[in-house]
Amino acid sequence: SWPMDLIRASQALPAYEDWTGFSGINRDGELVYVEEGAQFAVTMLNEPLFQRVALFEASRRFPTLESLLPQRPEHARKCAGCSGTGRIDFGNSDEALDVNVADCVRCFCGGLGWIL
């Protein structure tokens, strides 16, 4: 849903949108955050949670990128926030907005269902 001119200028494949921009993958395979605005900014995505969310969302949108998902290490444990499902249970969808909140909010595990 982001303007194509922003995507072209940033040269990043959008993975996860938020209020001020999107996380994505640039041509070098690096995870970046593209902030929208008159003078958009592209910065490296260094926060591990946001990296996991970006990789998870990229693999959902573009199944050929699924190989980029981190593999679960032996010492990882099931995420308590989502009980290992990768989705937070908020109950029923908000019928007034016709939105399922769980489709818009990511768990601390980034959607993977496990944490280190």
PDB file of N, CA and C in Angstrom:
ATOM      1  N   SER A   1       0.810  -1.200   0.000  1.00  0.00           N
ATOM      2  CA  SER A   1       0.000   0.000   0.000  1.00  0.00           C
ATOM      3  C   SER A   1       0.853   1.265   0.000  1.00  0.00           C
ATOM      4  N   TRP A   2       2.174   1.124  -0.005  1.00  0.00           N
ATOM      5  CA  TRP A   2       3.040   2.301  -0.017  1.00  0.00           C
ATOM      6  C   TRP A   2       3.188   2.826  -1.439  1.00  0.00           C
ATOM      7  N   PRO A   3       3.362   4.131  -1.565  1.00  0.00           N
ATOM      8  CA  PRO A   3       3.527   4.715  -2.901  1.00  0.00           C
ATOM      9  C   PRO A   3       4.745   4.133  -3.610  1.00  0.00           C
ATOM     10  N   MET A   4       4.569   3.816  -4.857  1.00  0.00           N
ATOM     11  CA  MET A   4       5.649   3.214  -5.634  1.00  0.00           C
ATOM     12  C   MET A   4       6.868   4.126  -5.726  1.00  0.00           C
ATOM     13  N   ASP A   5       6.665   5.452  -5.725  1.00  0.00           N
ATOM     14  CA  ASP A   5       7.819   6.336  -5.818  1.00  0.00           C
ATOM     15  C   ASP A   5       8.703   6.220  -4.576  1.00  0.00           C
ATOM     16  N   LEU A   6       8.105   5.988  -3.404  1.00  0.00           N
ATOM     17  CA  LEU A   6       8.886   5.797  -2.180  1.00  0.00           C
ATOM     18  C   LEU A   6       9.642   4.476  -2.234  1.00  0.00           C
ATOM     19  N   ILE A   7       8.984   3.453  -2.742  1.00  0.00           N
ATOM     20  CA  ILE A   7       9.626   2.142  -2.857  1.00  0.00           C
ATOM     21  C   ILE A   7      10.787   2.219  -3.846  1.00  0.00           C
ATOM     22  N   ARG A   8      10.560   2.863  -4.982  1.00  0.00           N
ATOM     23  CA  ARG A   8      11.631   2.992  -5.973  1.00  0.00           C
ATOM     24  C   ARG A   8      12.807   3.804  -5.430  1.00  0.00           C
ATOM     25  N   ALA A   9      12.504   4.914  -4.772  1.00  0.00           N
ATOM     26  CA  ALA A   9      13.566   5.778  -4.255  1.00  0.00           C
ATOM     27  C   ALA A   9      14.390   5.071  -3.181  1.00  0.00           C
ATOM     28  N   SER A  10      13.736   4.287  -2.347  1.00  0.00           N
ATOM     29  CA  SER A  10      14.448   3.595  -1.266  1.00  0.00           C
ATOM     30  C   SER A  10      15.120   2.318  -1.758  1.00  0.00           C
ATOM     31  N   GLN A  11      14.658   1.791  -2.873  1.00  0.00           N
ATOM     32  CA  GLN A  11      15.135   0.518  -3.423  1.00  0.00           C
ATOM     33  C   GLN A  11      15.029  -0.604  -2.394  1.00  0.00           C
ATOM     34  N   ALA A  12      13.928  -0.588  -1.647  1.00  0.00           N
ATOM     35  CA  ALA A  12      13.693  -1.615  -0.626  1.00  0.00           C
ATOM     36  C   ALA A  12      12.351  -2.293  -0.881  1.00  0.00           C
ATOM     37  N   LEU A  13      12.347  -3.589  -0.704  1.00  0.00           N
ATOM     38  CA  LEU A  13      11.132  -4.372  -0.828  1.00  0.00           C
ATOM     39  C   LEU A  13      10.370  -4.262   0.485  1.00  0.00           C
ATOM     40  N   PRO A  14       9.154  -3.688   0.500  1.00  0.00           N
ATOM     41  CA  PRO A  14       8.413  -3.509   1.751  1.00  0.00           C
ATOM     42  C   PRO A  14       8.022  -4.854   2.365  1.00  0.00           C
ATOM     43  N   ALA A  15       8.211  -4.961   3.668  1.00  0.00           N
ATOM     44  CA  ALA A  15       7.839  -6.181   4.377  1.00  0.00           C
ATOM     45  C   ALA A  15       6.767  -5.907   5.419  1.00  0.00           C
ATOM     46  N   TYR A  16       6.938  -4.869   6.220  1.00  0.00           N
ATOM     47  CA  TYR A  16       6.005  -4.590   7.311  1.00  0.00           C
ATOM     48  C   TYR A  16       5.821  -3.083   7.450  1.00  0.00           C
ATOM     49  N   GLU A  17       4.584  -2.634   7.361  1.00  0.00           N
ATOM     50  CA  GLU A  17       4.300  -1.207   7.464  1.00  0.00           C
ATOM     51  C   GLU A  17       3.907  -0.844   8.883  1.00  0.00           C
ATOM     52  N   ASP A  18       4.266   0.380   9.277  1.00  0.00           N
ATOM     53  CA  ASP A  18       3.754   0.930  10.524  1.00  0.00           C
ATOM     54  C   ASP A  18       3.274   2.348  10.247  1.00  0.00           C
ATOM     55  N   TRP A  19       3.119   3.135  11.286  1.00  0.00           N
ATOM     56  CA  TRP A  19       2.525   4.465  11.134  1.00  0.00           C
ATOM     57  C   TRP A  19       3.416   5.433  10.364  1.00  0.00           C
ATOM     58  N   THR A  20       4.719   5.257  10.427  1.00  0.00           N
ATOM     59  CA  THR A  20       5.610   6.267   9.868  1.00  0.00           C
ATOM     60  C   THR A  20       6.465   5.783   8.705  1.00  0.00           C
ATOM     61  N   GLY A  21       6.361   4.525   8.342  1.00  0.00           N
ATOM     62  CA  GLY A  21       7.177   4.013   7.259  1.00  0.00           C
ATOM     63  C   GLY A  21       7.030   2.516   7.124  1.00  0.00           C
ATOM     64  N   PHE A  22       8.075   1.875   6.616  1.00  0.00           N
ATOM     65  CA  PHE A  22       8.026   0.421   6.485  1.00  0.00           C
ATOM     66  C   PHE A  22       9.406  -0.197   6.680  1.00  0.00           C
ATOM     67  N   SER A  23       9.397  -1.426   7.171  1.00  0.00           N
ATOM     68  CA  SER A  23      10.605  -2.234   7.249  1.00  0.00           C
ATOM     69  C   SER A  23      10.683  -3.018   5.952  1.00  0.00           C
ATOM     70  N   GLY A  24      11.892  -3.204   5.472  1.00  0.00           N
ATOM     71  CA  GLY A  24      12.019  -3.920   4.217  1.00  0.00           C
ATOM     72  C   GLY A  24      13.410  -4.473   4.018  1.00  0.00           C
ATOM     73  N   ILE A  25      13.633  -4.996   2.843  1.00  0.00           N
ATOM     74  CA  ILE A  25      14.899  -5.601   2.474  1.00  0.00           C
ATOM     75  C   ILE A  25      15.437  -4.836   1.263  1.00  0.00           C
ATOM     76  N   ASN A  26      16.684  -4.349   1.387  1.00  0.00           N
ATOM     77  CA  ASN A  26      17.242  -3.590   0.268  1.00  0.00           C
ATOM     78  C   ASN A  26      17.911  -4.532  -0.742  1.00  0.00           C
ATOM     79  N   ARG A  27      18.472  -3.960  -1.781  1.00  0.00           N
ATOM     80  CA  ARG A  27      19.062  -4.767  -2.859  1.00  0.00           C
ATOM     81  C   ARG A  27      20.249  -5.608  -2.398  1.00  0.00           C
ATOM     82  N   ASP A  28      20.886  -5.198  -1.304  1.00  0.00           N
ATOM     83  CA  ASP A  28      22.025  -5.949  -0.770  1.00  0.00           C
ATOM     84  C   ASP A  28      21.586  -7.032   0.207  1.00  0.00           C
ATOM     85  N   GLY A  29      20.262  -7.176   0.398  1.00  0.00           N
ATOM     86  CA  GLY A  29      19.747  -8.176   1.323  1.00  0.00           C
ATOM     87  C   GLY A  29      19.763  -7.726   2.768  1.00  0.00           C
ATOM     88  N   GLU A  30      20.011  -6.441   2.998  1.00  0.00           N
ATOM     89  CA  GLU A  30      20.038  -5.902   4.352  1.00  0.00           C
ATOM     90  C   GLU A  30      18.641  -5.468   4.774  1.00  0.00           C
ATOM     91  N   LEU A  31      18.380  -5.595   6.067  1.00  0.00           N
ATOM     92  CA  LEU A  31      17.098  -5.152   6.608  1.00  0.00           C
ATOM     93  C   LEU A  31      17.182  -3.664   6.906  1.00  0.00           C
ATOM     94  N   VAL A  32      16.219  -2.911   6.381  1.00  0.00           N
ATOM     95  CA  VAL A  32      16.224  -1.454   6.532  1.00  0.00           C
ATOM     96  C   VAL A  32      14.854  -0.974   6.981  1.00  0.00           C
ATOM     97  N   TYR A  33      14.846   0.268   7.500  1.00  0.00           N
ATOM     98  CA  TYR A  33      13.589   0.944   7.805  1.00  0.00           C
ATOM     99  C   TYR A  33      13.522   2.181   6.921  1.00  0.00           C
ATOM    100  N   VAL A  34      12.423   2.337   6.209  1.00  0.00           N
ATOM    101  CA  VAL A  34      12.224   3.476   5.317  1.00  0.00           C
ATOM    102  C   VAL A  34      11.167   4.365   5.954  1.00  0.00           C
ATOM    103  N   GLU A  35      11.589   5.555   6.324  1.00  0.00           N
ATOM    104  CA  GLU A  35      10.669   6.510   6.949  1.00  0.00           C
ATOM    105  C   GLU A  35      10.112   7.414   5.867  1.00  0.00           C
ATOM    106  N   GLU A  36       8.782   7.511   5.831  1.00  0.00           N
ATOM    107  CA  GLU A  36       8.176   8.338   4.793  1.00  0.00           C
ATOM    108  C   GLU A  36       8.246   9.806   5.184  1.00  0.00           C
ATOM    109  N   GLY A  37       7.992  10.653   4.245  1.00  0.00           N
ATOM    110  CA  GLY A  37       7.996  12.087   4.470  1.00  0.00           C
ATOM    111  C   GLY A  37       8.601  12.780   3.270  1.00  0.00           C
ATOM    112  N   ALA A  38       8.622  14.099   3.336  1.00  0.00           N
ATOM    113  CA  ALA A  38       9.165  14.869   2.215  1.00  0.00           C
ATOM    114  C   ALA A  38      10.618  14.474   1.958  1.00  0.00           C
ATOM    115  N   GLN A  39      11.379  14.292   3.006  1.00  0.00           N
ATOM    116  CA  GLN A  39      12.764  13.832   2.890  1.00  0.00           C
ATOM    117  C   GLN A  39      12.841  12.465   3.560  1.00  0.00           C
ATOM    118  N   PHE A  40      12.471  11.423   2.829  1.00  0.00           N
ATOM    119  CA  PHE A  40      12.446  10.099   3.436  1.00  0.00           C
ATOM    120  C   PHE A  40      13.851   9.703   3.859  1.00  0.00           C
ATOM    121  N   ALA A  41      13.917   8.810   4.846  1.00  0.00           N
ATOM    122  CA  ALA A  41      15.204   8.342   5.343  1.00  0.00           C
ATOM    123  C   ALA A  41      15.226   6.820   5.328  1.00  0.00           C
ATOM    124  N   VAL A  42      16.366   6.252   4.975  1.00  0.00           N
ATOM    125  CA  VAL A  42      16.558   4.806   5.007  1.00  0.00           C
ATOM    126  C   VAL A  42      17.657   4.531   6.030  1.00  0.00           C
ATOM    127  N   THR A  43      17.330   3.751   7.059  1.00  0.00           N
ATOM    128  CA  THR A  43      18.304   3.404   8.087  1.00  0.00           C
ATOM    129  C   THR A  43      18.352   1.888   8.238  1.00  0.00           C
ATOM    130  N   MET A  44      19.466   1.405   8.755  1.00  0.00           N
ATOM    131  CA  MET A  44      19.614  -0.030   9.000  1.00  0.00           C
ATOM    132  C   MET A  44      18.661  -0.441  10.118  1.00  0.00           C
ATOM    133  N   LEU A  45      18.088  -1.607   9.993  1.00  0.00           N
ATOM    134  CA  LEU A  45      17.165  -2.145  10.991  1.00  0.00           C
ATOM    135  C   LEU A  45      17.999  -3.028  11.921  1.00  0.00           C
ATOM    136  N   ASN A  46      18.379  -2.494  13.073  1.00  0.00           N
ATOM    137  CA  ASN A  46      19.294  -3.184  13.969  1.00  0.00           C
ATOM    138  C   ASN A  46      18.616  -3.856  15.160  1.00  0.00           C
ATOM    139  N   GLU A  47      17.391  -3.490  15.453  1.00  0.00           N
ATOM    140  CA  GLU A  47      16.676  -4.059  16.602  1.00  0.00           C
ATOM    141  C   GLU A  47      16.244  -5.494  16.260  1.00  0.00           C
ATOM    142  N   PRO A  48      16.675  -6.494  17.053  1.00  0.00           N
ATOM    143  CA  PRO A  48      16.342  -7.891  16.749  1.00  0.00           C
ATOM    144  C   PRO A  48      14.840  -8.166  16.590  1.00  0.00           C
ATOM    145  N   LEU A  49      14.005  -7.569  17.416  1.00  0.00           N
ATOM    146  CA  LEU A  49      12.560  -7.795  17.285  1.00  0.00           C
ATOM    147  C   LEU A  49      12.075  -7.328  15.923  1.00  0.00           C
ATOM    148  N   PHE A  50      12.476  -6.129  15.513  1.00  0.00           N
ATOM    149  CA  PHE A  50      12.023  -5.591  14.232  1.00  0.00           C
ATOM    150  C   PHE A  50      12.612  -6.367  13.061  1.00  0.00           C
ATOM    151  N   GLN A  51      13.814  -6.907  13.244  1.00  0.00           N
ATOM    152  CA  GLN A  51      14.398  -7.756  12.212  1.00  0.00           C
ATOM    153  C   GLN A  51      13.557  -9.014  12.026  1.00  0.00           C
ATOM    154  N   ARG A  52      13.166  -9.646  13.147  1.00  0.00           N
ATOM    155  CA  ARG A  52      12.350 -10.869  13.062  1.00  0.00           C
ATOM    156  C   ARG A  52      10.999 -10.578  12.414  1.00  0.00           C
ATOM    157  N   VAL A  53      10.384  -9.478  12.810  1.00  0.00           N
ATOM    158  CA  VAL A  53       9.087  -9.109  12.228  1.00  0.00           C
ATOM    159  C   VAL A  53       9.236  -8.887  10.726  1.00  0.00           C
ATOM    160  N   ALA A  54      10.271  -8.154  10.316  1.00  0.00           N
ATOM    161  CA  ALA A  54      10.466  -7.876   8.888  1.00  0.00           C
ATOM    162  C   ALA A  54      10.674  -9.165   8.098  1.00  0.00           C
ATOM    163  N   LEU A  55      11.482 -10.073   8.622  1.00  0.00           N
ATOM    164  CA  LEU A  55      11.727 -11.337   7.915  1.00  0.00           C
ATOM    165  C   LEU A  55      10.467 -12.192   7.863  1.00  0.00           C
ATOM    166  N   PHE A  56       9.732 -12.238   8.972  1.00  0.00           N
ATOM    167  CA  PHE A  56       8.499 -13.020   9.006  1.00  0.00           C
ATOM    168  C   PHE A  56       7.481 -12.467   8.010  1.00  0.00           C
ATOM    169  N   GLU A  57       7.287 -11.167   8.020  1.00  0.00           N
ATOM    170  CA  GLU A  57       6.311 -10.553   7.114  1.00  0.00           C
ATOM    171  C   GLU A  57       6.742 -10.675   5.658  1.00  0.00           C
ATOM    172  N   ALA A  58       8.041 -10.535   5.392  1.00  0.00           N
ATOM    173  CA  ALA A  58       8.529 -10.697   4.015  1.00  0.00           C
ATOM    174  C   ALA A  58       8.245 -12.108   3.519  1.00  0.00           C
ATOM    175  N   SER A  59       8.426 -13.103   4.394  1.00  0.00           N
ATOM    176  CA  SER A  59       8.178 -14.489   3.973  1.00  0.00           C
ATOM    177  C   SER A  59       6.697 -14.756   3.755  1.00  0.00           C
ATOM    178  N   ARG A  60       5.831 -14.038   4.463  1.00  0.00           N
ATOM    179  CA  ARG A  60       4.383 -14.187   4.244  1.00  0.00           C
ATOM    180  C   ARG A  60       3.961 -13.552   2.927  1.00  0.00           C
ATOM    181  N   ARG A  61       4.492 -12.376   2.650  1.00  0.00           N
ATOM    182  CA  ARG A  61       4.124 -11.663   1.425  1.00  0.00           C
ATOM    183  C   ARG A  61       4.756 -12.277   0.182  1.00  0.00           C
ATOM    184  N   PHE A  62       5.984 -12.732   0.347  1.00  0.00           N
ATOM    185  CA  PHE A  62       6.753 -13.251  -0.781  1.00  0.00           C
ATOM    186  C   PHE A  62       7.289 -14.629  -0.394  1.00  0.00           C
ATOM    187  N   PRO A  63       6.515 -15.687  -0.604  1.00  0.00           N
ATOM    188  CA  PRO A  63       6.902 -17.029  -0.156  1.00  0.00           C
ATOM    189  C   PRO A  63       8.290 -17.477  -0.623  1.00  0.00           C
ATOM    190  N   THR A  64       8.787 -16.938  -1.711  1.00  0.00           N
ATOM    191  CA  THR A  64      10.121 -17.324  -2.160  1.00  0.00           C
ATOM    192  C   THR A  64      11.205 -16.835  -1.205  1.00  0.00           C
ATOM    193  N   LEU A  65      10.861 -15.920  -0.292  1.00  0.00           N
ATOM    194  CA  LEU A  65      11.829 -15.412   0.690  1.00  0.00           C
ATOM    195  C   LEU A  65      11.787 -16.186   2.002  1.00  0.00           C
ATOM    196  N   GLU A  66      11.012 -17.253   2.057  1.00  0.00           N
ATOM    197  CA  GLU A  66      10.879 -18.023   3.289  1.00  0.00           C
ATOM    198  C   GLU A  66      12.225 -18.542   3.796  1.00  0.00           C
ATOM    199  N   SER A  67      13.145 -18.762   2.911  1.00  0.00           N
ATOM    200  CA  SER A  67      14.463 -19.267   3.318  1.00  0.00           C
ATOM    201  C   SER A  67      15.236 -18.244   4.159  1.00  0.00           C
ATOM    202  N   LEU A  68      14.798 -16.992   4.168  1.00  0.00           N
ATOM    203  CA  LEU A  68      15.451 -15.965   4.980  1.00  0.00           C
ATOM    204  C   LEU A  68      15.063 -16.038   6.455  1.00  0.00           C
ATOM    205  N   LEU A  69      13.997 -16.768   6.758  1.00  0.00           N
ATOM    206  CA  LEU A  69      13.562 -16.875   8.153  1.00  0.00           C
ATOM    207  C   LEU A  69      14.629 -17.557   8.991  1.00  0.00           C
ATOM    208  N   PRO A  70      14.864 -17.029  10.203  1.00  0.00           N
ATOM    209  CA  PRO A  70      15.831 -17.713  11.068  1.00  0.00           C
ATOM    210  C   PRO A  70      15.305 -19.086  11.472  1.00  0.00           C
ATOM    211  N   GLN A  71      16.205 -20.054  11.517  1.00  0.00           N
ATOM    212  CA  GLN A  71      15.844 -21.401  11.942  1.00  0.00           C
ATOM    213  C   GLN A  71      15.853 -21.454  13.469  1.00  0.00           C
ATOM    214  N   ARG A  72      14.921 -22.207  14.014  1.00  0.00           N
ATOM    215  CA  ARG A  72      14.809 -22.305  15.460  1.00  0.00           C
ATOM    216  C   ARG A  72      15.989 -23.097  16.030  1.00  0.00           C
ATOM    217  N   PRO A  73      16.802 -22.447  16.883  1.00  0.00           N
ATOM    218  CA  PRO A  73      17.903 -23.174  17.505  1.00  0.00           C
ATOM    219  C   PRO A  73      17.401 -24.122  18.595  1.00  0.00           C
ATOM    220  N   GLU A  74      18.210 -25.092  18.945  1.00  0.00           N
ATOM    221  CA  GLU A  74      17.811 -26.072  19.960  1.00  0.00           C
ATOM    222  C   GLU A  74      17.482 -25.422  21.296  1.00  0.00           C
ATOM    223  N   HIS A  75      18.202 -24.368  21.657  1.00  0.00           N
ATOM    224  CA  HIS A  75      18.005 -23.747  22.962  1.00  0.00           C
ATOM    225  C   HIS A  75      16.850 -22.730  22.986  1.00  0.00           C
ATOM    226  N   ALA A  76      16.183 -22.540  21.863  1.00  0.00           N
ATOM    227  CA  ALA A  76      15.044 -21.613  21.827  1.00  0.00           C
ATOM    228  C   ALA A  76      13.885 -22.207  22.615  1.00  0.00           C
ATOM    229  N   ARG A  77      13.055 -21.328  23.148  1.00  0.00           N
ATOM    230  CA  ARG A  77      11.889 -21.799  23.892  1.00  0.00           C
ATOM    231  C   ARG A  77      10.611 -21.222  23.288  1.00  0.00           C
ATOM    232  N   LYS A  78       9.534 -21.900  23.567  1.00  0.00           N
ATOM    233  CA  LYS A  78       8.241 -21.456  23.053  1.00  0.00           C
ATOM    234  C   LYS A  78       7.931 -20.068  23.611  1.00  0.00           C
ATOM    235  N   CYS A  79       7.445 -19.201  22.769  1.00  0.00           N
ATOM    236  CA  CYS A  79       7.107 -17.842  23.179  1.00  0.00           C
ATOM    237  C   CYS A  79       5.882 -17.877  24.100  1.00  0.00           C
ATOM    238  N   ALA A  80       6.016 -17.277  25.263  1.00  0.00           N
ATOM    239  CA  ALA A  80       4.908 -17.239  26.219  1.00  0.00           C
ATOM    240  C   ALA A  80       3.829 -16.247  25.782  1.00  0.00           C
ATOM    241  N   GLY A  81       4.217 -15.234  25.010  1.00  0.00           N
ATOM    242  CA  GLY A  81       3.253 -14.217  24.587  1.00  0.00           C
ATOM    243  C   GLY A  81       2.189 -14.733  23.633  1.00  0.00           C
ATOM    244  N   CYS A  82       2.550 -15.738  22.831  1.00  0.00           N
ATOM    245  CA  CYS A  82       1.611 -16.261  21.827  1.00  0.00           C
ATOM    246  C   CYS A  82       1.418 -17.772  21.956  1.00  0.00           C
ATOM    247  N   SER A  83       2.003 -18.363  22.991  1.00  0.00           N
ATOM    248  CA  SER A  83       1.941 -19.814  23.217  1.00  0.00           C
ATOM    249  C   SER A  83       2.501 -20.604  22.029  1.00  0.00           C
ATOM    250  N   GLY A  84       3.466 -20.010  21.330  1.00  0.00           N
ATOM    251  CA  GLY A  84       4.118 -20.704  20.231  1.00  0.00           C
ATOM    252  C   GLY A  84       3.417 -20.608  18.891  1.00  0.00           C
ATOM    253  N   THR A  85       2.321 -19.857  18.821  1.00  0.00           N
ATOM    254  CA  THR A  85       1.575 -19.758  17.565  1.00  0.00           C
ATOM    255  C   THR A  85       2.085 -18.650  16.650  1.00  0.00           C
ATOM    256  N   GLY A  86       2.792 -17.676  17.210  1.00  0.00           N
ATOM    257  CA  GLY A  86       3.240 -16.529  16.428  1.00  0.00           C
ATOM    258  C   GLY A  86       2.192 -15.428  16.342  1.00  0.00           C
ATOM    259  N   ARG A  87       1.015 -15.666  16.889  1.00  0.00           N
ATOM    260  CA  ARG A  87      -0.081 -14.687  16.846  1.00  0.00           C
ATOM    261  C   ARG A  87      -0.616 -14.445  18.249  1.00  0.00           C
ATOM    262  N   ILE A  88      -0.806 -13.194  18.597  1.00  0.00           N
ATOM    263  CA  ILE A  88      -1.389 -12.833  19.881  1.00  0.00           C
ATOM    264  C   ILE A  88      -2.896 -12.966  19.776  1.00  0.00           C
ATOM    265  N   ASP A  89      -3.508 -13.590  20.774  1.00  0.00           N
ATOM    266  CA  ASP A  89      -4.964 -13.758  20.774  1.00  0.00           C
ATOM    267  C   ASP A  89      -5.611 -12.542  21.431  1.00  0.00           C
ATOM    268  N   PHE A  90      -6.267 -11.733  20.623  1.00  0.00           N
ATOM    269  CA  PHE A  90      -6.974 -10.555  21.112  1.00  0.00           C
ATOM    270  C   PHE A  90      -8.473 -10.807  21.209  1.00  0.00           C
ATOM    271  N   GLY A  91      -8.885 -12.034  21.014  1.00  0.00           N
ATOM    272  CA  GLY A  91     -10.315 -12.326  21.011  1.00  0.00           C
ATOM    273  C   GLY A  91     -10.889 -12.112  19.623  1.00  0.00           C
ATOM    274  N   ASN A  92     -12.119 -11.733  19.566  1.00  0.00           N
ATOM    275  CA  ASN A  92     -12.812 -11.550  18.281  1.00  0.00           C
ATOM    276  C   ASN A  92     -12.308 -10.331  17.534  1.00  0.00           C
ATOM    277  N   SER A  93     -12.523 -10.326  16.248  1.00  0.00           N
ATOM    278  CA  SER A  93     -12.201  -9.169  15.418  1.00  0.00           C
ATOM    279  C   SER A  93     -13.058  -7.991  15.834  1.00  0.00           C
ATOM    280  N   ASP A  94     -12.574  -6.806  15.567  1.00  0.00           N
ATOM    281  CA  ASP A  94     -13.353  -5.604  15.810  1.00  0.00           C
ATOM    282  C   ASP A  94     -14.293  -5.429  14.623  1.00  0.00           C
ATOM    283  N   GLU A  95     -15.525  -5.848  14.805  1.00  0.00           N
ATOM    284  CA  GLU A  95     -16.482  -5.815  13.688  1.00  0.00           C
ATOM    285  C   GLU A  95     -16.752  -4.405  13.201  1.00  0.00           C
ATOM    286  N   ALA A  96     -16.642  -3.416  14.103  1.00  0.00           N
ATOM    287  CA  ALA A  96     -16.898  -2.038  13.694  1.00  0.00           C
ATOM    288  C   ALA A  96     -15.852  -1.574  12.683  1.00  0.00           C
ATOM    289  N   LEU A  97     -14.623  -2.054  12.830  1.00  0.00           N
ATOM    290  CA  LEU A  97     -13.559  -1.660  11.916  1.00  0.00           C
ATOM    291  C   LEU A  97     -13.311  -2.690  10.832  1.00  0.00           C
ATOM    292  N   ASP A  98     -13.935  -3.857  10.981  1.00  0.00           N
ATOM    293  CA  ASP A  98     -13.722  -4.964  10.054  1.00  0.00           C
ATOM    294  C   ASP A  98     -12.231  -5.313   9.976  1.00  0.00           C
ATOM    295  N   VAL A  99     -11.604  -5.395  11.160  1.00  0.00           N
ATOM    296  CA  VAL A  99     -10.171  -5.671  11.254  1.00  0.00           C
ATOM    297  C   VAL A  99      -9.944  -6.755  12.295  1.00  0.00           C
ATOM    298  N   ASN A 100      -9.070  -7.688  11.999  1.00  0.00           N
ATOM    299  CA  ASN A 100      -8.629  -8.649  12.987  1.00  0.00           C
ATOM    300  C   ASN A 100      -7.327  -8.094  13.558  1.00  0.00           C
ATOM    301  N   VAL A 101      -7.354  -7.702  14.834  1.00  0.00           N
ATOM    302  CA  VAL A 101      -6.205  -7.053  15.450  1.00  0.00           C
ATOM    303  C   VAL A 101      -4.965  -7.931  15.369  1.00  0.00           C
ATOM    304  N   ALA A 102      -5.127  -9.242  15.501  1.00  0.00           N
ATOM    305  CA  ALA A 102      -3.983 -10.155  15.451  1.00  0.00           C
ATOM    306  C   ALA A 102      -3.272 -10.115  14.097  1.00  0.00           C
ATOM    307  N   ASP A 103      -3.949  -9.650  13.046  1.00  0.00           N
ATOM    308  CA  ASP A 103      -3.313  -9.525  11.739  1.00  0.00           C
ATOM    309  C   ASP A 103      -2.481  -8.250  11.626  1.00  0.00           C
ATOM    310  N   CYS A 104      -2.659  -7.331  12.576  1.00  0.00           N
ATOM    311  CA  CYS A 104      -1.979  -6.040  12.512  1.00  0.00           C
ATOM    312  C   CYS A 104      -0.858  -5.895  13.534  1.00  0.00           C
ATOM    313  N   VAL A 105      -0.897  -6.676  14.607  1.00  0.00           N
ATOM    314  CA  VAL A 105       0.061  -6.552  15.698  1.00  0.00           C
ATOM    315  C   VAL A 105       0.892  -7.823  15.761  1.00  0.00           C
ATOM    316  N   ARG A 106       2.189  -7.673  15.929  1.00  0.00           N
ATOM    317  CA  ARG A 106       3.073  -8.829  16.019  1.00  0.00           C
ATOM    318  C   ARG A 106       3.500  -9.056  17.455  1.00  0.00           C
ATOM    319  N   CYS A 107       3.680 -10.305  17.776  1.00  0.00           N
ATOM    320  CA  CYS A 107       4.120 -10.736  19.092  1.00  0.00           C
ATOM    321  C   CYS A 107       5.603 -10.405  19.278  1.00  0.00           C
ATOM    322  N   PHE A 108       6.081 -10.487  20.512  1.00  0.00           N
ATOM    323  CA  PHE A 108       7.480 -10.242  20.826  1.00  0.00           C
ATOM    324  C   PHE A 108       8.408 -11.189  20.063  1.00  0.00           C
ATOM    325  N   CYS A 109       7.911 -12.371  19.717  1.00  0.00           N
ATOM    326  CA  CYS A 109       8.736 -13.326  18.964  1.00  0.00           C
ATOM    327  C   CYS A 109       8.832 -12.949  17.486  1.00  0.00           C
ATOM    328  N   GLY A 110       8.086 -11.949  17.064  1.00  0.00           N
ATOM    329  CA  GLY A 110       8.129 -11.503  15.668  1.00  0.00           C
ATOM    330  C   GLY A 110       7.296 -12.372  14.742  1.00  0.00           C
ATOM    331  N   GLY A 111       6.486 -13.273  15.321  1.00  0.00           N
ATOM    332  CA  GLY A 111       5.637 -14.150  14.511  1.00  0.00           C
ATOM    333  C   GLY A 111       6.222 -15.548  14.358  1.00  0.00           C
ATOM    334  N   LEU A 112       7.397 -15.792  14.911  1.00  0.00           N
ATOM    335  CA  LEU A 112       8.064 -17.076  14.750  1.00  0.00           C
ATOM    336  C   LEU A 112       7.555 -18.137  15.707  1.00  0.00           C
ATOM    337  N   GLY A 113       7.023 -17.725  16.876  1.00  0.00           N
ATOM    338  CA  GLY A 113       6.514 -18.679  17.861  1.00  0.00           C
ATOM    339  C   GLY A 113       7.551 -19.132  18.867  1.00  0.00           C
ATOM    340  N   TRP A 114       8.789 -18.637  18.745  1.00  0.00           N
ATOM    341  CA  TRP A 114       9.851 -19.003  19.682  1.00  0.00           C
ATOM    342  C   TRP A 114      10.737 -17.791  19.954  1.00  0.00           C
ATOM    343  N   ILE A 115      11.414 -17.850  21.093  1.00  0.00           N
ATOM    344  CA  ILE A 115      12.359 -16.801  21.471  1.00  0.00           C
ATOM    345  C   ILE A 115      13.647 -17.443  21.966  1.00  0.00           C
ATOM    346  N   LEU A 116      14.712 -16.673  21.955  1.00  0.00           N
ATOM    347  CA  LEU A 116      15.998 -17.185  22.444  1.00  0.00           C
ATOM    348  C   LEU A 116      16.095 -17.006  23.946  1.00  0.00           C
TER     349      LEU A 116
END
